[in-house]
Amino acid sequence: MFHKIKNVQYLENYIIEITFENNIIKYYNVSNLFEKWDVFQNLVNIPNLFEQVKVEPGGFGISWNDEIDLSCEELWENGYIQNSESY
């Protein structure tokens, strides 16, 4: 089952807020990916790229450009509900 995304918003310190279609809001720390996948370092190195995050058509993921994206299931499984853990 896919947990489709309705909205995404960037916050400070490379945290994004994801609102899913079931209205559950989760947070995801993108900085955890900087060392795992080199392409995510572009979110730091390219000015204003992080702020360009958008929901992909159909709500199956988010992206910043043609090279950097995350699936809705990655965000659902590894995102956290505020106050359930710290940033």
Protein backbone atom coordinates (compact mmCIF):
# COMPACT_ATOMS: atom_id res chain seq x y z
CA MET A 1 0.00 0.00 0.00
CA PHE A 2 1.34 3.41 -0.94
CA HIS A 3 1.11 6.32 1.46
CA LYS A 4 0.67 9.11 -1.06
CA ILE A 5 1.93 12.60 -0.34
CA LYS A 6 -0.36 15.61 -0.38
CA ASN A 7 2.14 18.33 0.51
CA VAL A 8 5.81 18.88 1.32
CA GLN A 9 7.44 21.87 2.95
CA TYR A 10 11.08 22.52 3.68
CA LEU A 11 12.12 23.57 7.17
CA GLU A 12 15.49 24.58 8.57
CA ASN A 13 18.46 22.24 9.05
CA TYR A 14 17.46 20.07 6.07
CA ILE A 15 14.25 18.86 7.66
CA ILE A 16 11.17 18.47 5.49
CA GLU A 17 7.55 18.25 6.63
CA ILE A 18 5.45 15.79 4.67
CA THR A 19 1.66 15.73 4.76
CA PHE A 20 0.25 12.45 3.52
CA GLU A 21 -3.19 11.98 1.96
CA ASN A 22 -4.46 10.48 5.25
CA ASN A 23 -3.51 13.86 6.86
CA ILE A 24 -0.72 12.37 8.96
CA ILE A 25 2.25 14.73 9.10
CA LYS A 26 5.76 13.34 9.35
CA TYR A 27 9.21 14.91 9.37
CA TYR A 28 12.29 13.65 7.57
CA ASN A 29 15.90 14.69 8.08
CA VAL A 30 17.43 14.81 4.61
CA SER A 31 20.92 15.50 6.00
CA ASN A 32 21.11 11.81 6.96
CA LEU A 33 21.45 11.07 3.24
CA PHE A 34 24.39 13.40 2.54
CA GLU A 35 27.01 10.73 3.21
CA LYS A 36 24.92 7.81 1.98
CA TRP A 37 24.34 9.15 -1.55
CA ASP A 38 26.65 11.78 -3.02
CA VAL A 39 23.92 13.37 -5.13
CA PHE A 40 22.16 14.61 -1.96
CA GLN A 41 25.18 16.81 -1.19
CA ASN A 42 23.94 19.01 -4.03
CA LEU A 43 21.19 20.18 -1.67
CA VAL A 44 23.96 21.88 0.30
CA ASN A 45 26.27 22.84 -2.56
CA ILE A 46 23.73 24.36 -4.96
CA PRO A 47 22.22 27.58 -3.55
CA ASN A 48 18.46 27.44 -2.91
CA LEU A 49 18.05 23.90 -4.28
CA PHE A 50 16.76 22.50 -0.98
CA GLU A 51 13.95 25.08 -0.99
CA GLN A 52 12.74 23.82 -4.40
CA VAL A 53 11.33 20.53 -3.07
CA LYS A 54 8.01 19.53 -4.64
CA VAL A 55 5.53 16.65 -4.62
CA GLU A 56 5.79 14.41 -7.67
CA PRO A 57 2.64 13.92 -9.80
CA GLY A 58 0.38 11.33 -8.21
CA GLY A 59 1.92 11.84 -4.76
CA PHE A 60 4.28 8.86 -5.02
CA GLY A 61 7.33 10.84 -3.97
CA ILE A 62 9.08 14.19 -3.77
CA SER A 63 11.89 15.67 -5.80
CA TRP A 64 14.21 18.61 -6.07
CA ASN A 65 15.34 18.04 -9.65
CA ASP A 66 15.74 15.18 -12.15
CA GLU A 67 18.51 13.59 -10.07
CA ILE A 68 17.33 13.97 -6.46
CA ASP A 69 14.11 12.37 -5.25
CA LEU A 70 12.62 10.26 -2.47
CA SER A 71 9.71 7.82 -2.62
CA CYS A 72 6.57 8.17 -0.56
CA GLU A 73 7.33 4.86 1.15
CA GLU A 74 10.84 5.99 2.18
CA LEU A 75 9.33 9.08 3.73
CA TRP A 76 6.52 7.13 5.41
CA GLU A 77 8.78 4.40 6.81
CA ASN A 78 11.69 6.60 7.90
CA GLY A 79 9.89 9.83 8.66
CA TYR A 80 8.89 10.59 12.22
CA ILE A 81 5.97 12.24 13.92
CA GLN A 82 6.96 15.41 15.77
CA ASN A 83 7.76 14.86 19.43
CA SER A 84 8.25 11.11 18.85
CA GLU A 85 11.97 11.66 18.35
CA SER A 86 14.29 14.61 18.05
CA TYR A 87 15.61 16.13 14.86
